[in-house]
Amino acid sequence: MADDKKKNQHAEQNQINIELTEEIAEGVYSNLAMIAHSNSEFVIDFIRLMPGVPKAKVKARIVITPEHAKRLVVALKENVKKYEEAFGEINNTEDFPRFPMNFGGTMGEA
């Protein structure tokens, strides 16, 4: 009984209360992500690219630590696997925009 009480107290201490405002809950549509990094951070720009429009807008920029970037990769892999198990394989397309964008660091695309 005492052990159960300690476990419950420990679980309550490890919980995080996350607030989600209505504005943020609506989300932002993005169909392109550009990733840059330095020795201390990863910068992920979520961009909305519209067909036939030569100018695209960054809709959100997220800056995270390298450790968090690695945890994000693992979480994305796990979620893609669960998605594909439920809905079928996601088809990769080679039809994505390729244009130079340099944010001052090593570049990646997603």
PDB file of N, CA and C in Angstrom:
ATOM      1  N   MET A   1       0.829  -1.193   0.000  1.00  0.00           N
ATOM      2  CA  MET A   1       0.000   0.000   0.000  1.00  0.00           C
ATOM      3  C   MET A   1       0.869   1.250   0.000  1.00  0.00           C
ATOM      4  N   ALA A   2       1.889   1.262   0.847  1.00  0.00           N
ATOM      5  CA  ALA A   2       2.792   2.408   0.912  1.00  0.00           C
ATOM      6  C   ALA A   2       3.573   2.542  -0.394  1.00  0.00           C
ATOM      7  N   ASP A   3       3.942   1.390  -0.979  1.00  0.00           N
ATOM      8  CA  ASP A   3       4.661   1.430  -2.257  1.00  0.00           C
ATOM      9  C   ASP A   3       3.794   2.022  -3.365  1.00  0.00           C
ATOM     10  N   ASP A   4       2.495   1.665  -3.390  1.00  0.00           N
ATOM     11  CA  ASP A   4       1.582   2.222  -4.383  1.00  0.00           C
ATOM     12  C   ASP A   4       1.461   3.730  -4.234  1.00  0.00           C
ATOM     13  N   LYS A   5       1.413   4.212  -3.005  1.00  0.00           N
ATOM     14  CA  LYS A   5       1.302   5.642  -2.753  1.00  0.00           C
ATOM     15  C   LYS A   5       2.555   6.365  -3.246  1.00  0.00           C
ATOM     16  N   LYS A   6       3.723   5.778  -2.997  1.00  0.00           N
ATOM     17  CA  LYS A   6       4.978   6.370  -3.470  1.00  0.00           C
ATOM     18  C   LYS A   6       5.027   6.403  -4.996  1.00  0.00           C
ATOM     19  N   LYS A   7       4.574   5.322  -5.640  1.00  0.00           N
ATOM     20  CA  LYS A   7       4.561   5.266  -7.102  1.00  0.00           C
ATOM     21  C   LYS A   7       3.646   6.343  -7.670  1.00  0.00           C
ATOM     22  N   ASN A   8       2.462   6.516  -7.070  1.00  0.00           N
ATOM     23  CA  ASN A   8       1.528   7.538  -7.540  1.00  0.00           C
ATOM     24  C   ASN A   8       2.098   8.938  -7.359  1.00  0.00           C
ATOM     25  N   GLN A   9       2.755   9.201  -6.228  1.00  0.00           N
ATOM     26  CA  GLN A   9       3.366  10.504  -5.979  1.00  0.00           C
ATOM     27  C   GLN A   9       4.481  10.756  -6.985  1.00  0.00           C
ATOM     28  N   HIS A  10       5.279   9.731  -7.249  1.00  0.00           N
ATOM     29  CA  HIS A  10       6.374   9.865  -8.209  1.00  0.00           C
ATOM     30  C   HIS A  10       5.824  10.142  -9.611  1.00  0.00           C
ATOM     31  N   ALA A  11       4.762   9.444  -9.997  1.00  0.00           N
ATOM     32  CA  ALA A  11       4.149   9.644 -11.308  1.00  0.00           C
ATOM     33  C   ALA A  11       3.593  11.061 -11.428  1.00  0.00           C
ATOM     34  N   GLU A  12       2.968  11.570 -10.376  1.00  0.00           N
ATOM     35  CA  GLU A  12       2.423  12.922 -10.395  1.00  0.00           C
ATOM     36  C   GLU A  12       3.542  13.955 -10.519  1.00  0.00           C
ATOM     37  N   GLN A  13       4.685  13.706  -9.896  1.00  0.00           N
ATOM     38  CA  GLN A  13       5.805  14.642  -9.979  1.00  0.00           C
ATOM     39  C   GLN A  13       6.391  14.678 -11.388  1.00  0.00           C
ATOM     40  N   ASN A  14       6.299  13.592 -12.135  1.00  0.00           N
ATOM     41  CA  ASN A  14       6.866  13.518 -13.479  1.00  0.00           C
ATOM     42  C   ASN A  14       5.905  13.980 -14.563  1.00  0.00           C
ATOM     43  N   GLN A  15       4.683  14.363 -14.212  1.00  0.00           N
ATOM     44  CA  GLN A  15       3.716  14.826 -15.195  1.00  0.00           C
ATOM     45  C   GLN A  15       3.976  16.279 -15.548  1.00  0.00           C
ATOM     46  N   ILE A  16       3.706  16.618 -16.802  1.00  0.00           N
ATOM     47  CA  ILE A  16       3.842  17.989 -17.271  1.00  0.00           C
ATOM     48  C   ILE A  16       2.463  18.478 -17.683  1.00  0.00           C
ATOM     49  N   ASN A  17       2.095  19.632 -17.206  1.00  0.00           N
ATOM     50  CA  ASN A  17       0.826  20.241 -17.585  1.00  0.00           C
ATOM     51  C   ASN A  17       1.083  21.103 -18.813  1.00  0.00           C
ATOM     52  N   ILE A  18       0.536  20.715 -19.950  1.00  0.00           N
ATOM     53  CA  ILE A  18       0.771  21.410 -21.212  1.00  0.00           C
ATOM     54  C   ILE A  18      -0.472  22.181 -21.601  1.00  0.00           C
ATOM     55  N   GLU A  19      -0.286  23.468 -21.860  1.00  0.00           N
ATOM     56  CA  GLU A  19      -1.403  24.322 -22.267  1.00  0.00           C
ATOM     57  C   GLU A  19      -1.379  24.486 -23.774  1.00  0.00           C
ATOM     58  N   LEU A  20      -2.526  24.358 -24.409  1.00  0.00           N
ATOM     59  CA  LEU A  20      -2.660  24.502 -25.849  1.00  0.00           C
ATOM     60  C   LEU A  20      -3.735  25.544 -26.115  1.00  0.00           C
ATOM     61  N   THR A  21      -3.314  26.719 -26.591  1.00  0.00           N
ATOM     62  CA  THR A  21      -4.284  27.782 -26.867  1.00  0.00           C
ATOM     63  C   THR A  21      -5.085  27.431 -28.121  1.00  0.00           C
ATOM     64  N   GLU A  22      -6.229  28.065 -28.284  1.00  0.00           N
ATOM     65  CA  GLU A  22      -7.066  27.814 -29.463  1.00  0.00           C
ATOM     66  C   GLU A  22      -6.314  28.162 -30.748  1.00  0.00           C
ATOM     67  N   GLU A  23      -5.587  29.268 -30.733  1.00  0.00           N
ATOM     68  CA  GLU A  23      -4.850  29.697 -31.923  1.00  0.00           C
ATOM     69  C   GLU A  23      -3.805  28.668 -32.331  1.00  0.00           C
ATOM     70  N   ILE A  24      -3.054  28.168 -31.375  1.00  0.00           N
ATOM     71  CA  ILE A  24      -2.030  27.166 -31.675  1.00  0.00           C
ATOM     72  C   ILE A  24      -2.683  25.841 -32.055  1.00  0.00           C
ATOM     73  N   ALA A  25      -3.793  25.501 -31.443  1.00  0.00           N
ATOM     74  CA  ALA A  25      -4.480  24.235 -31.721  1.00  0.00           C
ATOM     75  C   ALA A  25      -4.959  24.153 -33.168  1.00  0.00           C
ATOM     76  N   GLU A  26      -5.198  25.294 -33.804  1.00  0.00           N
ATOM     77  CA  GLU A  26      -5.627  25.294 -35.201  1.00  0.00           C
ATOM     78  C   GLU A  26      -4.547  24.753 -36.120  1.00  0.00           C
ATOM     79  N   GLY A  27      -3.296  24.911 -35.726  1.00  0.00           N
ATOM     80  CA  GLY A  27      -2.186  24.408 -36.524  1.00  0.00           C
ATOM     81  C   GLY A  27      -1.861  25.319 -37.695  1.00  0.00           C
ATOM     82  N   VAL A  28      -0.772  25.002 -38.359  1.00  0.00           N
ATOM     83  CA  VAL A  28      -0.303  25.738 -39.526  1.00  0.00           C
ATOM     84  C   VAL A  28       0.037  24.714 -40.590  1.00  0.00           C
ATOM     85  N   TYR A  29      -0.483  24.882 -41.793  1.00  0.00           N
ATOM     86  CA  TYR A  29      -0.185  23.945 -42.881  1.00  0.00           C
ATOM     87  C   TYR A  29       1.195  24.244 -43.449  1.00  0.00           C
ATOM     88  N   SER A  30       1.975  23.192 -43.636  1.00  0.00           N
ATOM     89  CA  SER A  30       3.303  23.306 -44.234  1.00  0.00           C
ATOM     90  C   SER A  30       3.514  22.113 -45.142  1.00  0.00           C
ATOM     91  N   ASN A  31       4.101  22.363 -46.322  1.00  0.00           N
ATOM     92  CA  ASN A  31       4.404  21.256 -47.217  1.00  0.00           C
ATOM     93  C   ASN A  31       5.885  21.184 -47.573  1.00  0.00           C
ATOM     94  N   LEU A  32       6.701  21.904 -46.800  1.00  0.00           N
ATOM     95  CA  LEU A  32       8.140  21.871 -46.992  1.00  0.00           C
ATOM     96  C   LEU A  32       8.810  22.244 -45.678  1.00  0.00           C
ATOM     97  N   ALA A  33       9.873  21.554 -45.352  1.00  0.00           N
ATOM     98  CA  ALA A  33      10.649  21.904 -44.165  1.00  0.00           C
ATOM     99  C   ALA A  33      12.110  22.038 -44.574  1.00  0.00           C
ATOM    100  N   MET A  34      12.733  23.100 -44.124  1.00  0.00           N
ATOM    101  CA  MET A  34      14.162  23.315 -44.362  1.00  0.00           C
ATOM    102  C   MET A  34      14.843  23.246 -43.004  1.00  0.00           C
ATOM    103  N   ILE A  35      15.953  22.525 -42.952  1.00  0.00           N
ATOM    104  CA  ILE A  35      16.626  22.307 -41.678  1.00  0.00           C
ATOM    105  C   ILE A  35      18.069  22.783 -41.775  1.00  0.00           C
ATOM    106  N   ALA A  36      18.484  23.553 -40.785  1.00  0.00           N
ATOM    107  CA  ALA A  36      19.874  23.987 -40.669  1.00  0.00           C
ATOM    108  C   ALA A  36      20.331  23.683 -39.248  1.00  0.00           C
ATOM    109  N   HIS A  37      21.640  23.597 -39.061  1.00  0.00           N
ATOM    110  CA  HIS A  37      22.111  23.345 -37.705  1.00  0.00           C
ATOM    111  C   HIS A  37      23.473  23.978 -37.474  1.00  0.00           C
ATOM    112  N   SER A  38      23.739  24.227 -36.218  1.00  0.00           N
ATOM    113  CA  SER A  38      25.054  24.666 -35.764  1.00  0.00           C
ATOM    114  C   SER A  38      25.511  23.642 -34.740  1.00  0.00           C
ATOM    115  N   ASN A  39      26.585  23.932 -34.034  1.00  0.00           N
ATOM    116  CA  ASN A  39      27.050  22.981 -33.025  1.00  0.00           C
ATOM    117  C   ASN A  39      26.136  22.946 -31.803  1.00  0.00           C
ATOM    118  N   SER A  40      25.247  23.918 -31.660  1.00  0.00           N
ATOM    119  CA  SER A  40      24.423  23.976 -30.449  1.00  0.00           C
ATOM    120  C   SER A  40      22.921  23.908 -30.686  1.00  0.00           C
ATOM    121  N   GLU A  41      22.471  23.976 -31.953  1.00  0.00           N
ATOM    122  CA  GLU A  41      21.027  23.976 -32.182  1.00  0.00           C
ATOM    123  C   GLU A  41      20.678  23.532 -33.597  1.00  0.00           C
ATOM    124  N   PHE A  42      19.444  23.070 -33.729  1.00  0.00           N
ATOM    125  CA  PHE A  42      18.849  22.787 -35.027  1.00  0.00           C
ATOM    126  C   PHE A  42      17.747  23.806 -35.240  1.00  0.00           C
ATOM    127  N   VAL A  43      17.657  24.336 -36.455  1.00  0.00           N
ATOM    128  CA  VAL A  43      16.610  25.281 -36.813  1.00  0.00           C
ATOM    129  C   VAL A  43      15.774  24.620 -37.898  1.00  0.00           C
ATOM    130  N   ILE A  44      14.481  24.475 -37.628  1.00  0.00           N
ATOM    131  CA  ILE A  44      13.566  23.858 -38.588  1.00  0.00           C
ATOM    132  C   ILE A  44      12.562  24.915 -39.008  1.00  0.00           C
ATOM    133  N   ASP A  45      12.590  25.268 -40.294  1.00  0.00           N
ATOM    134  CA  ASP A  45      11.623  26.207 -40.849  1.00  0.00           C
ATOM    135  C   ASP A  45      10.546  25.414 -41.578  1.00  0.00           C
ATOM    136  N   PHE A  46       9.301  25.631 -41.190  1.00  0.00           N
ATOM    137  CA  PHE A  46       8.162  25.009 -41.848  1.00  0.00           C
ATOM    138  C   PHE A  46       7.597  26.027 -42.828  1.00  0.00           C
ATOM    139  N   ILE A  47       7.549  25.625 -44.100  1.00  0.00           N
ATOM    140  CA  ILE A  47       7.257  26.539 -45.195  1.00  0.00           C
ATOM    141  C   ILE A  47       6.010  26.069 -45.933  1.00  0.00           C
ATOM    142  N   ARG A  48       5.228  27.042 -46.408  1.00  0.00           N
ATOM    143  CA  ARG A  48       4.090  26.731 -47.278  1.00  0.00           C
ATOM    144  C   ARG A  48       4.463  27.170 -48.681  1.00  0.00           C
ATOM    145  N   LEU A  49       4.597  26.192 -49.568  1.00  0.00           N
ATOM    146  CA  LEU A  49       4.943  26.434 -50.957  1.00  0.00           C
ATOM    147  C   LEU A  49       3.703  26.173 -51.803  1.00  0.00           C
ATOM    148  N   MET A  50       3.258  27.185 -52.530  1.00  0.00           N
ATOM    149  CA  MET A  50       2.059  27.050 -53.350  1.00  0.00           C
ATOM    150  C   MET A  50       2.455  26.833 -54.803  1.00  0.00           C
ATOM    151  N   PRO A  51       1.756  25.932 -55.508  1.00  0.00           N
ATOM    152  CA  PRO A  51       2.081  25.665 -56.915  1.00  0.00           C
ATOM    153  C   PRO A  51       1.980  26.928 -57.765  1.00  0.00           C
ATOM    154  N   GLY A  52       2.982  27.135 -58.606  1.00  0.00           N
ATOM    155  CA  GLY A  52       2.959  28.267 -59.525  1.00  0.00           C
ATOM    156  C   GLY A  52       3.332  29.598 -58.910  1.00  0.00           C
ATOM    157  N   VAL A  53       3.601  29.624 -57.614  1.00  0.00           N
ATOM    158  CA  VAL A  53       3.969  30.865 -56.946  1.00  0.00           C
ATOM    159  C   VAL A  53       5.460  30.785 -56.620  1.00  0.00           C
ATOM    160  N   PRO A  54       6.256  31.704 -57.151  1.00  0.00           N
ATOM    161  CA  PRO A  54       7.705  31.595 -56.962  1.00  0.00           C
ATOM    162  C   PRO A  54       8.186  31.965 -55.556  1.00  0.00           C
ATOM    163  N   LYS A  55       7.322  32.543 -54.757  1.00  0.00           N
ATOM    164  CA  LYS A  55       7.719  32.971 -53.414  1.00  0.00           C
ATOM    165  C   LYS A  55       6.994  32.116 -52.381  1.00  0.00           C
ATOM    166  N   ALA A  56       7.754  31.580 -51.443  1.00  0.00           N
ATOM    167  CA  ALA A  56       7.178  30.758 -50.376  1.00  0.00           C
ATOM    168  C   ALA A  56       7.400  31.461 -49.045  1.00  0.00           C
ATOM    169  N   LYS A  57       6.502  31.217 -48.099  1.00  0.00           N
ATOM    170  CA  LYS A  57       6.610  31.855 -46.796  1.00  0.00           C
ATOM    171  C   LYS A  57       6.914  30.848 -45.705  1.00  0.00           C
ATOM    172  N   VAL A  58       7.844  31.235 -44.826  1.00  0.00           N
ATOM    173  CA  VAL A  58       8.085  30.446 -43.624  1.00  0.00           C
ATOM    174  C   VAL A  58       6.898  30.703 -42.705  1.00  0.00           C
ATOM    175  N   LYS A  59       6.216  29.644 -42.318  1.00  0.00           N
ATOM    176  CA  LYS A  59       5.040  29.766 -41.467  1.00  0.00           C
ATOM    177  C   LYS A  59       5.358  29.550 -39.998  1.00  0.00           C
ATOM    178  N   ALA A  60       6.454  28.820 -39.728  1.00  0.00           N
ATOM    179  CA  ALA A  60       6.870  28.600 -38.335  1.00  0.00           C
ATOM    180  C   ALA A  60       8.341  28.240 -38.326  1.00  0.00           C
ATOM    181  N   ARG A  61       9.037  28.702 -37.314  1.00  0.00           N
ATOM    182  CA  ARG A  61      10.447  28.349 -37.114  1.00  0.00           C
ATOM    183  C   ARG A  61      10.571  27.762 -35.721  1.00  0.00           C
ATOM    184  N   ILE A  62      11.151  26.568 -35.650  1.00  0.00           N
ATOM    185  CA  ILE A  62      11.359  25.897 -34.378  1.00  0.00           C
ATOM    186  C   ILE A  62      12.863  25.712 -34.191  1.00  0.00           C
ATOM    187  N   VAL A  63      13.361  26.112 -33.033  1.00  0.00           N
ATOM    188  CA  VAL A  63      14.777  25.965 -32.706  1.00  0.00           C
ATOM    189  C   VAL A  63      14.879  24.980 -31.548  1.00  0.00           C
ATOM    190  N   ILE A  64      15.666  23.912 -31.745  1.00  0.00           N
ATOM    191  CA  ILE A  64      15.787  22.873 -30.725  1.00  0.00           C
ATOM    192  C   ILE A  64      17.250  22.484 -30.539  1.00  0.00           C
ATOM    193  N   THR A  65      17.521  21.829 -29.422  1.00  0.00           N
ATOM    194  CA  THR A  65      18.877  21.351 -29.139  1.00  0.00           C
ATOM    195  C   THR A  65      19.165  20.099 -29.976  1.00  0.00           C
ATOM    196  N   PRO A  66      20.435  19.776 -30.191  1.00  0.00           N
ATOM    197  CA  PRO A  66      20.761  18.544 -30.918  1.00  0.00           C
ATOM    198  C   PRO A  66      20.162  17.297 -30.250  1.00  0.00           C
ATOM    199  N   GLU A  67      20.171  17.268 -28.929  1.00  0.00           N
ATOM    200  CA  GLU A  67      19.598  16.112 -28.213  1.00  0.00           C
ATOM    201  C   GLU A  67      18.105  15.987 -28.488  1.00  0.00           C
ATOM    202  N   HIS A  68      17.409  17.115 -28.488  1.00  0.00           N
ATOM    203  CA  HIS A  68      15.977  17.077 -28.757  1.00  0.00           C
ATOM    204  C   HIS A  68      15.720  16.713 -30.221  1.00  0.00           C
ATOM    205  N   ALA A  69      16.580  17.163 -31.127  1.00  0.00           N
ATOM    206  CA  ALA A  69      16.430  16.807 -32.537  1.00  0.00           C
ATOM    207  C   ALA A  69      16.499  15.292 -32.706  1.00  0.00           C
ATOM    208  N   LYS A  70      17.423  14.667 -31.994  1.00  0.00           N
ATOM    209  CA  LYS A  70      17.560  13.214 -32.087  1.00  0.00           C
ATOM    210  C   LYS A  70      16.314  12.518 -31.524  1.00  0.00           C
ATOM    211  N   ARG A  71      15.787  13.023 -30.401  1.00  0.00           N
ATOM    212  CA  ARG A  71      14.547  12.446 -29.841  1.00  0.00           C
ATOM    213  C   ARG A  71      13.378  12.653 -30.796  1.00  0.00           C
ATOM    214  N   LEU A  72      13.353  13.793 -31.489  1.00  0.00           N
ATOM    215  CA  LEU A  72      12.291  14.064 -32.457  1.00  0.00           C
ATOM    216  C   LEU A  72      12.338  13.070 -33.609  1.00  0.00           C
ATOM    217  N   VAL A  73      13.538  12.764 -34.103  1.00  0.00           N
ATOM    218  CA  VAL A  73      13.690  11.778 -35.178  1.00  0.00           C
ATOM    219  C   VAL A  73      13.136  10.425 -34.749  1.00  0.00           C
ATOM    220  N   VAL A  74      13.456  10.002 -33.548  1.00  0.00           N
ATOM    221  CA  VAL A  74      12.962   8.719 -33.036  1.00  0.00           C
ATOM    222  C   VAL A  74      11.435   8.739 -32.936  1.00  0.00           C
ATOM    223  N   ALA A  75      10.892   9.823 -32.391  1.00  0.00           N
ATOM    224  CA  ALA A  75       9.431   9.934 -32.242  1.00  0.00           C
ATOM    225  C   ALA A  75       8.741   9.938 -33.600  1.00  0.00           C
ATOM    226  N   LEU A  76       9.307  10.643 -34.577  1.00  0.00           N
ATOM    227  CA  LEU A  76       8.719  10.656 -35.923  1.00  0.00           C
ATOM    228  C   LEU A  76       8.747   9.267 -36.547  1.00  0.00           C
ATOM    229  N   LYS A  77       9.861   8.552 -36.414  1.00  0.00           N
ATOM    230  CA  LYS A  77       9.957   7.190 -36.955  1.00  0.00           C
ATOM    231  C   LYS A  77       8.890   6.284 -36.343  1.00  0.00           C
ATOM    232  N   GLU A  78       8.736   6.374 -35.020  1.00  0.00           N
ATOM    233  CA  GLU A  78       7.733   5.552 -34.334  1.00  0.00           C
ATOM    234  C   GLU A  78       6.327   5.890 -34.820  1.00  0.00           C
ATOM    235  N   ASN A  79       6.041   7.170 -34.986  1.00  0.00           N
ATOM    236  CA  ASN A  79       4.706   7.582 -35.413  1.00  0.00           C
ATOM    237  C   ASN A  79       4.433   7.245 -36.870  1.00  0.00           C
ATOM    238  N   VAL A  80       5.436   7.337 -37.740  1.00  0.00           N
ATOM    239  CA  VAL A  80       5.259   6.942 -39.134  1.00  0.00           C
ATOM    240  C   VAL A  80       4.972   5.445 -39.196  1.00  0.00           C
ATOM    241  N   LYS A  81       5.686   4.656 -38.405  1.00  0.00           N
ATOM    242  CA  LYS A  81       5.458   3.208 -38.363  1.00  0.00           C
ATOM    243  C   LYS A  81       4.022   2.907 -37.929  1.00  0.00           C
ATOM    244  N   LYS A  82       3.555   3.563 -36.871  1.00  0.00           N
ATOM    245  CA  LYS A  82       2.181   3.349 -36.394  1.00  0.00           C
ATOM    246  C   LYS A  82       1.159   3.782 -37.443  1.00  0.00           C
ATOM    247  N   TYR A  83       1.426   4.903 -38.108  1.00  0.00           N
ATOM    248  CA  TYR A  83       0.532   5.390 -39.151  1.00  0.00           C
ATOM    249  C   TYR A  83       0.420   4.365 -40.274  1.00  0.00           C
ATOM    250  N   GLU A  84       1.583   3.869 -40.739  1.00  0.00           N
ATOM    251  CA  GLU A  84       1.589   2.922 -41.849  1.00  0.00           C
ATOM    252  C   GLU A  84       0.937   1.598 -41.462  1.00  0.00           C
ATOM    253  N   GLU A  85       1.065   1.197 -40.219  1.00  0.00           N
ATOM    254  CA  GLU A  85       0.380  -0.017 -39.762  1.00  0.00           C
ATOM    255  C   GLU A  85      -1.131   0.168 -39.801  1.00  0.00           C
ATOM    256  N   ALA A  86      -1.600   1.370 -39.511  1.00  0.00           N
ATOM    257  CA  ALA A  86      -3.041   1.639 -39.475  1.00  0.00           C
ATOM    258  C   ALA A  86      -3.609   1.972 -40.855  1.00  0.00           C
ATOM    259  N   PHE A  87      -2.850   2.708 -41.696  1.00  0.00           N
ATOM    260  CA  PHE A  87      -3.410   3.252 -42.929  1.00  0.00           C
ATOM    261  C   PHE A  87      -2.699   2.817 -44.200  1.00  0.00           C
ATOM    262  N   GLY A  88      -1.644   2.055 -44.077  1.00  0.00           N
ATOM    263  CA  GLY A  88      -0.890   1.626 -45.254  1.00  0.00           C
ATOM    264  C   GLY A  88       0.349   2.479 -45.466  1.00  0.00           C
ATOM    265  N   GLU A  89       1.207   1.987 -46.346  1.00  0.00           N
ATOM    266  CA  GLU A  89       2.497   2.632 -46.585  1.00  0.00           C
ATOM    267  C   GLU A  89       2.337   4.023 -47.178  1.00  0.00           C
ATOM    268  N   ILE A  90       3.149   4.929 -46.704  1.00  0.00           N
ATOM    269  CA  ILE A  90       3.200   6.287 -47.243  1.00  0.00           C
ATOM    270  C   ILE A  90       4.097   6.244 -48.469  1.00  0.00           C
ATOM    271  N   ASN A  91       3.579   6.703 -49.589  1.00  0.00           N
ATOM    272  CA  ASN A  91       4.358   6.695 -50.827  1.00  0.00           C
ATOM    273  C   ASN A  91       5.289   7.898 -50.857  1.00  0.00           C
ATOM    274  N   ASN A  92       6.567   7.641 -51.113  1.00  0.00           N
ATOM    275  CA  ASN A  92       7.531   8.724 -51.288  1.00  0.00           C
ATOM    276  C   ASN A  92       7.413   9.240 -52.707  1.00  0.00           C
ATOM    277  N   THR A  93       7.501  10.533 -52.862  1.00  0.00           N
ATOM    278  CA  THR A  93       7.502  11.120 -54.195  1.00  0.00           C
ATOM    279  C   THR A  93       8.819  11.841 -54.408  1.00  0.00           C
ATOM    280  N   GLU A  94       9.330  11.739 -55.588  1.00  0.00           N
ATOM    281  CA  GLU A  94      10.565  12.453 -55.925  1.00  0.00           C
ATOM    282  C   GLU A  94      10.252  13.862 -56.402  1.00  0.00           C
ATOM    283  N   ASP A  95       8.965  14.195 -56.458  1.00  0.00           N
ATOM    284  CA  ASP A  95       8.518  15.482 -56.977  1.00  0.00           C
ATOM    285  C   ASP A  95       8.439  16.519 -55.866  1.00  0.00           C
ATOM    286  N   PHE A  96       9.594  16.989 -55.422  1.00  0.00           N
ATOM    287  CA  PHE A  96       9.610  18.038 -54.413  1.00  0.00           C
ATOM    288  C   PHE A  96      10.542  19.147 -54.878  1.00  0.00           C
ATOM    289  N   PRO A  97      10.307  20.355 -54.399  1.00  0.00           N
ATOM    290  CA  PRO A  97      11.103  21.480 -54.900  1.00  0.00           C
ATOM    291  C   PRO A  97      12.567  21.371 -54.502  1.00  0.00           C
ATOM    292  N   ARG A  98      13.428  21.746 -55.414  1.00  0.00           N
ATOM    293  CA  ARG A  98      14.863  21.792 -55.147  1.00  0.00           C
ATOM    294  C   ARG A  98      15.344  23.190 -55.525  1.00  0.00           C
ATOM    295  N   PHE A  99      15.695  23.951 -54.535  1.00  0.00           N
ATOM    296  CA  PHE A  99      16.212  25.283 -54.786  1.00  0.00           C
ATOM    297  C   PHE A  99      17.184  25.625 -53.674  1.00  0.00           C
ATOM    298  N   PRO A 100      18.182  26.433 -53.972  1.00  0.00           N
ATOM    299  CA  PRO A 100      19.193  26.738 -52.947  1.00  0.00           C
ATOM    300  C   PRO A 100      18.652  27.672 -51.879  1.00  0.00           C
ATOM    301  N   MET A 101      18.833  27.272 -50.666  1.00  0.00           N
ATOM    302  CA  MET A 101      18.522  28.128 -49.524  1.00  0.00           C
ATOM    303  C   MET A 101      19.587  27.854 -48.495  1.00  0.00           C
ATOM    304  N   ASN A 102      20.313  28.844 -48.095  1.00  0.00           N
ATOM    305  CA  ASN A 102      21.371  28.624 -47.117  1.00  0.00           C
ATOM    306  C   ASN A 102      21.142  29.540 -45.931  1.00  0.00           C
ATOM    307  N   PHE A 103      20.954  28.933 -44.786  1.00  0.00           N
ATOM    308  CA  PHE A 103      20.722  29.677 -43.562  1.00  0.00           C
ATOM    309  C   PHE A 103      22.004  29.837 -42.762  1.00  0.00           C
ATOM    310  N   GLY A 104      23.136  29.572 -43.400  1.00  0.00           N
ATOM    311  CA  GLY A 104      24.403  29.759 -42.714  1.00  0.00           C
ATOM    312  C   GLY A 104      24.965  28.493 -42.098  1.00  0.00           C
ATOM    313  N   GLY A 105      24.292  27.371 -42.276  1.00  0.00           N
ATOM    314  CA  GLY A 105      24.787  26.125 -41.689  1.00  0.00           C
ATOM    315  C   GLY A 105      24.635  24.988 -42.672  1.00  0.00           C
ATOM    316  N   THR A 106      24.899  23.802 -42.210  1.00  0.00           N
ATOM    317  CA  THR A 106      24.728  22.616 -43.022  1.00  0.00           C
ATOM    318  C   THR A 106      23.239  22.422 -43.280  1.00  0.00           C
ATOM    319  N   MET A 107      22.881  22.109 -44.507  1.00  0.00           N
ATOM    320  CA  MET A 107      21.474  22.043 -44.870  1.00  0.00           C
ATOM    321  C   MET A 107      20.973  20.606 -44.950  1.00  0.00           C
ATOM    322  N   GLY A 108      19.688  20.450 -44.688  1.00  0.00           N
ATOM    323  CA  GLY A 108      18.990  19.196 -44.865  1.00  0.00           C
ATOM    324  C   GLY A 108      17.595  19.523 -45.361  1.00  0.00           C
ATOM    325  N   GLU A 109      16.886  18.547 -45.868  1.00  0.00           N
ATOM    326  CA  GLU A 109      15.519  18.744 -46.308  1.00  0.00           C
ATOM    327  C   GLU A 109      14.642  17.657 -45.745  1.00  0.00           C
ATOM    328  N   ALA A 110      13.386  18.022 -45.534  1.00  0.00           N
ATOM    329  CA  ALA A 110      12.423  17.030 -45.063  1.00  0.00           C
ATOM    330  C   ALA A 110      11.139  17.201 -45.834  1.00  0.00           C
TER     331      ALA A 110
END
